[in-house]
Amino acid sequence: LLTLVEKVEAGAVQRLRNRHPRLHTVDFDRTRKRMSVICSDDSECWLLCKGAPESVMAQCAAVPAGLGERVQELGADGLRVLALAYRRLPLK
């Protein structure tokens, strides 16, 4: 995904990283089946998460109707499916 963004607009990824520095990373592991990072700027802070859909969706407050079924369909077709989620965190 980052490679695609870079091809569309050279330097965009680095500008984004400069504006929203990564404060903390929880690396992917087989138990959690997801990776999480905390990023911020001067006014907001976010927890960003990516990983196995069942792991990420289990942590979400709300999941769109039918999403679980669609994930299963895509997986049955042999496609690799990743889920992305975010949550705003309070600034400290």
Protein backbone atom coordinates (compact mmCIF):
# COMPACT_ATOMS: atom_id res chain seq x y z
CA LEU A 1 0.00 0.00 0.00
CA LEU A 2 2.82 2.40 0.86
CA THR A 3 4.53 1.60 -2.44
CA LEU A 4 1.36 2.52 -4.30
CA VAL A 5 1.06 5.82 -2.41
CA GLU A 6 4.69 6.62 -3.23
CA LYS A 7 4.12 5.92 -6.92
CA VAL A 8 1.12 8.26 -6.96
CA GLU A 9 2.88 11.04 -5.08
CA ALA A 10 6.62 10.88 -4.44
CA GLY A 11 7.54 11.78 -0.87
CA ALA A 12 3.98 11.42 0.46
CA VAL A 13 4.80 8.56 2.83
CA GLN A 14 7.72 10.39 4.43
CA ARG A 15 5.66 13.58 4.83
CA LEU A 16 2.92 11.57 6.53
CA ARG A 17 5.44 9.92 8.86
CA ASN A 18 6.95 13.31 9.70
CA ARG A 19 3.54 14.86 10.49
CA HIS A 20 2.29 11.86 12.51
CA PRO A 21 5.28 10.27 14.27
CA ARG A 22 4.97 6.76 15.62
CA LEU A 23 5.08 6.82 19.43
CA HIS A 24 4.77 3.11 20.17
CA THR A 25 4.58 -0.20 18.29
CA VAL A 26 3.22 -3.56 19.37
CA ASP A 27 4.67 -5.94 16.80
CA PHE A 28 2.65 -8.69 15.15
CA ASP A 29 2.66 -12.01 16.93
CA ARG A 30 0.86 -15.28 16.30
CA THR A 31 -1.15 -15.08 19.50
CA ARG A 32 -2.66 -11.62 18.92
CA LYS A 33 -2.72 -12.02 15.11
CA ARG A 34 -2.41 -8.26 14.73
CA MET A 35 0.01 -5.35 14.87
CA SER A 36 -0.74 -2.02 16.55
CA VAL A 37 0.91 1.39 16.49
CA ILE A 38 0.23 4.64 18.28
CA CYS A 39 0.79 7.80 16.23
CA SER A 40 0.10 11.45 16.96
CA ASP A 41 0.41 15.02 15.87
CA ASP A 42 0.00 18.22 17.90
CA SER A 43 -3.76 17.84 18.27
CA GLU A 44 -4.70 14.13 18.07
CA CYS A 45 -3.45 10.67 18.93
CA TRP A 46 -4.57 7.38 17.31
CA LEU A 47 -4.22 3.68 17.85
CA LEU A 48 -3.97 2.00 14.43
CA CYS A 49 -4.32 -1.74 14.08
CA LYS A 50 -4.00 -4.26 11.24
CA GLY A 51 -4.17 -8.01 11.19
CA ALA A 52 -6.35 -11.07 10.90
CA PRO A 53 -9.98 -9.99 10.51
CA GLU A 54 -11.24 -12.19 13.37
CA SER A 55 -8.66 -10.69 15.73
CA VAL A 56 -9.19 -7.05 14.73
CA MET A 57 -12.99 -7.23 14.54
CA ALA A 58 -13.12 -8.82 18.03
CA GLN A 59 -11.59 -5.61 19.41
CA CYS A 60 -13.98 -3.25 17.61
CA ALA A 61 -16.92 -1.51 19.27
CA ALA A 62 -18.94 -1.78 16.04
CA VAL A 63 -18.56 -3.92 12.93
CA PRO A 64 -20.64 -3.32 9.77
CA ALA A 65 -23.37 -5.90 9.19
CA GLY A 66 -22.28 -8.67 6.85
CA LEU A 67 -18.55 -7.93 7.13
CA GLY A 68 -17.72 -11.25 8.77
CA GLU A 69 -19.51 -13.17 6.05
CA ARG A 70 -17.76 -11.19 3.32
CA VAL A 71 -14.37 -11.88 4.90
CA GLN A 72 -15.18 -15.61 4.92
CA GLU A 73 -16.23 -15.48 1.25
CA LEU A 74 -13.00 -13.77 0.22
CA GLY A 75 -10.95 -16.25 2.23
CA ALA A 76 -12.81 -19.16 0.64
CA ASP A 77 -11.82 -17.72 -2.75
CA GLY A 78 -8.18 -18.01 -1.69
CA LEU A 79 -7.65 -14.29 -1.08
CA ARG A 80 -5.64 -12.99 1.84
CA VAL A 81 -7.76 -10.61 3.88
CA LEU A 82 -6.44 -8.03 6.35
CA ALA A 83 -8.55 -5.86 8.61
CA LEU A 84 -7.70 -2.29 9.55
CA ALA A 85 -9.10 -0.38 12.51
CA TYR A 86 -8.40 2.78 14.45
CA ARG A 87 -9.36 4.46 17.69
CA ARG A 88 -8.76 8.01 18.82
CA LEU A 89 -6.88 8.22 22.09
CA PRO A 90 -6.76 11.11 24.54
CA LEU A 91 -3.68 13.33 24.33
CA LYS A 92 -1.57 13.32 27.46
